[in-house]
Amino acid sequence: MNLTPEQREQVASEVKRFASDLHLSDDQKEKLQNAFTDARAKMGDYMQEHPGITRADIARHVISRRDEIRQRVVNFLTPDQLKTWDTEVVKAKEFLGQNLAA
């Protein structure tokens, strides 16, 4: 998905705010970073295996893996952090949904 520089900045700011709101320990920060790195790599592999993939196809792929992604963070977030995570995921879905429709 191609984002404008302004959208990328907005996403970066939101991720920083979100990470701050979670009050992650150093161990949790490392685990979350590893999860993001792994997810980016898997998405990159998927896109290479499916040249010409559309935004809608990417969205469907991410949606199909949503439970797997959530289970990974459940393994290291506290219940309160998980509530914050779930709230932020809803916001992200709304943001990304708007951009997928564009």
C-alpha atoms as a PDB file:
ATOM      1  CA  MET A   1       0.000   0.000   0.000  1.00  0.00           C
ATOM      2  CA  ASN A   2       1.452   3.339  -1.017  1.00  0.00           C
ATOM      3  CA  LEU A   3       1.014   6.093   1.519  1.00  0.00           C
ATOM      4  CA  THR A   4       1.750   9.756   0.989  1.00  0.00           C
ATOM      5  CA  PRO A   5       4.608  11.251   3.028  1.00  0.00           C
ATOM      6  CA  GLU A   6       1.997  12.929   5.236  1.00  0.00           C
ATOM      7  CA  GLN A   7       0.206   9.626   5.829  1.00  0.00           C
ATOM      8  CA  ARG A   8       3.502   7.879   6.636  1.00  0.00           C
ATOM      9  CA  GLU A   9       4.291  10.617   9.154  1.00  0.00           C
ATOM     10  CA  GLN A  10       0.824  10.269  10.659  1.00  0.00           C
ATOM     11  CA  VAL A  11       1.268   6.502  10.973  1.00  0.00           C
ATOM     12  CA  ALA A  12       4.721   6.931  12.548  1.00  0.00           C
ATOM     13  CA  SER A  13       3.355   9.439  15.064  1.00  0.00           C
ATOM     14  CA  GLU A  14       0.452   7.180  15.946  1.00  0.00           C
ATOM     15  CA  VAL A  15       2.739   4.171  16.414  1.00  0.00           C
ATOM     16  CA  LYS A  16       4.973   6.182  18.758  1.00  0.00           C
ATOM     17  CA  ARG A  17       1.966   7.409  20.744  1.00  0.00           C
ATOM     18  CA  PHE A  18       0.506   3.928  20.849  1.00  0.00           C
ATOM     19  CA  ALA A  19       3.764   2.394  22.056  1.00  0.00           C
ATOM     20  CA  SER A  20       3.981   5.027  24.773  1.00  0.00           C
ATOM     21  CA  ASP A  21       0.372   4.362  25.859  1.00  0.00           C
ATOM     22  CA  LEU A  22       1.123   0.649  26.244  1.00  0.00           C
ATOM     23  CA  HIS A  23       3.911   1.295  28.811  1.00  0.00           C
ATOM     24  CA  LEU A  24       5.942  -1.616  27.481  1.00  0.00           C
ATOM     25  CA  SER A  25       8.837  -3.139  29.376  1.00  0.00           C
ATOM     26  CA  ASP A  26      12.137  -3.484  27.517  1.00  0.00           C
ATOM     27  CA  ASP A  27      11.415  -7.184  27.001  1.00  0.00           C
ATOM     28  CA  GLN A  28       7.966  -6.402  25.594  1.00  0.00           C
ATOM     29  CA  LYS A  29       9.424  -3.746  23.289  1.00  0.00           C
ATOM     30  CA  GLU A  30      11.842  -6.308  21.905  1.00  0.00           C
ATOM     31  CA  LYS A  31       9.097  -8.905  21.429  1.00  0.00           C
ATOM     32  CA  LEU A  32       6.819  -6.387  19.711  1.00  0.00           C
ATOM     33  CA  GLN A  33       9.636  -5.218  17.453  1.00  0.00           C
ATOM     34  CA  ASN A  34      10.370  -8.826  16.529  1.00  0.00           C
ATOM     35  CA  ALA A  35       6.679  -9.412  15.794  1.00  0.00           C
ATOM     36  CA  PHE A  36       6.557  -6.359  13.505  1.00  0.00           C
ATOM     37  CA  THR A  37       9.785  -7.374  11.762  1.00  0.00           C
ATOM     38  CA  ASP A  38       8.471 -10.891  11.226  1.00  0.00           C
ATOM     39  CA  ALA A  39       5.125  -9.599   9.930  1.00  0.00           C
ATOM     40  CA  ARG A  40       6.843  -7.220   7.483  1.00  0.00           C
ATOM     41  CA  ALA A  41       9.024 -10.055   6.204  1.00  0.00           C
ATOM     42  CA  LYS A  42       6.038 -12.377   5.757  1.00  0.00           C
ATOM     43  CA  MET A  43       4.095  -9.663   3.946  1.00  0.00           C
ATOM     44  CA  GLY A  44       7.082  -8.977   1.703  1.00  0.00           C
ATOM     45  CA  ASP A  45       7.358 -12.682   0.887  1.00  0.00           C
ATOM     46  CA  TYR A  46       3.635 -12.860   0.150  1.00  0.00           C
ATOM     47  CA  MET A  47       3.831  -9.870  -2.181  1.00  0.00           C
ATOM     48  CA  GLN A  48       6.814 -11.362  -4.034  1.00  0.00           C
ATOM     49  CA  GLU A  49       4.970 -14.648  -4.432  1.00  0.00           C
ATOM     50  CA  HIS A  50       1.912 -12.799  -5.784  1.00  0.00           C
ATOM     51  CA  PRO A  51       3.098 -10.164  -8.255  1.00  0.00           C
ATOM     52  CA  GLY A  52       0.437  -7.702  -9.271  1.00  0.00           C
ATOM     53  CA  ILE A  53      -1.473  -8.162  -6.021  1.00  0.00           C
ATOM     54  CA  THR A  54      -4.132  -5.538  -5.388  1.00  0.00           C
ATOM     55  CA  ARG A  55      -4.723  -3.516  -2.232  1.00  0.00           C
ATOM     56  CA  ALA A  56      -7.913  -5.472  -1.673  1.00  0.00           C
ATOM     57  CA  ASP A  57      -5.977  -8.746  -1.912  1.00  0.00           C
ATOM     58  CA  ILE A  58      -3.447  -7.466   0.628  1.00  0.00           C
ATOM     59  CA  ALA A  59      -6.270  -6.457   2.970  1.00  0.00           C
ATOM     60  CA  ARG A  60      -7.880  -9.898   2.675  1.00  0.00           C
ATOM     61  CA  HIS A  61      -4.546 -11.565   3.412  1.00  0.00           C
ATOM     62  CA  VAL A  62      -3.984  -9.450   6.521  1.00  0.00           C
ATOM     63  CA  ILE A  63      -7.553 -10.082   7.692  1.00  0.00           C
ATOM     64  CA  SER A  64      -7.075 -13.826   7.243  1.00  0.00           C
ATOM     65  CA  ARG A  65      -4.051 -13.673   9.573  1.00  0.00           C
ATOM     66  CA  ARG A  66      -5.600 -11.354  12.181  1.00  0.00           C
ATOM     67  CA  ASP A  67      -6.151 -14.078  14.814  1.00  0.00           C
ATOM     68  CA  GLU A  68      -2.570 -15.279  14.448  1.00  0.00           C
ATOM     69  CA  ILE A  69      -1.258 -11.731  14.863  1.00  0.00           C
ATOM     70  CA  ARG A  70      -3.390 -11.101  17.958  1.00  0.00           C
ATOM     71  CA  GLN A  71      -2.338 -14.404  19.542  1.00  0.00           C
ATOM     72  CA  ARG A  72       1.283 -13.408  19.195  1.00  0.00           C
ATOM     73  CA  VAL A  73       0.802 -10.226  21.258  1.00  0.00           C
ATOM     74  CA  VAL A  74      -1.469 -11.999  23.756  1.00  0.00           C
ATOM     75  CA  ASN A  75       1.601 -14.017  24.692  1.00  0.00           C
ATOM     76  CA  PHE A  76       3.455 -11.010  26.104  1.00  0.00           C
ATOM     77  CA  LEU A  77       1.007  -8.165  26.806  1.00  0.00           C
ATOM     78  CA  THR A  78      -0.764  -7.758  30.134  1.00  0.00           C
ATOM     79  CA  PRO A  79      -4.586  -7.746  30.164  1.00  0.00           C
ATOM     80  CA  ASP A  80      -4.643  -3.925  30.461  1.00  0.00           C
ATOM     81  CA  GLN A  81      -2.136  -3.571  27.625  1.00  0.00           C
ATOM     82  CA  LEU A  82      -4.211  -5.941  25.531  1.00  0.00           C
ATOM     83  CA  LYS A  83      -7.308  -3.756  26.021  1.00  0.00           C
ATOM     84  CA  THR A  84      -5.301  -0.763  24.772  1.00  0.00           C
ATOM     85  CA  TRP A  85      -3.986  -2.856  21.867  1.00  0.00           C
ATOM     86  CA  ASP A  86      -7.503  -3.891  20.842  1.00  0.00           C
ATOM     87  CA  THR A  87      -8.736  -0.290  20.963  1.00  0.00           C
ATOM     88  CA  GLU A  88      -5.851   0.846  18.781  1.00  0.00           C
ATOM     89  CA  VAL A  89      -6.370  -1.985  16.302  1.00  0.00           C
ATOM     90  CA  VAL A  90      -9.912  -0.716  15.715  1.00  0.00           C
ATOM     91  CA  LYS A  91      -8.534   2.764  14.999  1.00  0.00           C
ATOM     92  CA  ALA A  92      -5.927   1.319  12.640  1.00  0.00           C
ATOM     93  CA  LYS A  93      -8.573  -0.667  10.759  1.00  0.00           C
ATOM     94  CA  GLU A  94     -10.566   2.513  10.236  1.00  0.00           C
ATOM     95  CA  PHE A  95      -7.484   4.407   9.016  1.00  0.00           C
ATOM     96  CA  LEU A  96      -6.320   1.639   6.720  1.00  0.00           C
ATOM     97  CA  GLY A  97      -9.838   1.011   5.462  1.00  0.00           C
ATOM     98  CA  GLN A  98     -10.090   4.605   4.360  1.00  0.00           C
ATOM     99  CA  ASN A  99      -6.785   4.327   2.543  1.00  0.00           C
ATOM    100  CA  LEU A 100      -7.675   1.027   0.905  1.00  0.00           C
ATOM    101  CA  ALA A 101     -10.824   2.596  -0.451  1.00  0.00           C
ATOM    102  CA  ALA A 102      -8.851   5.508  -1.934  1.00  0.00           C
END
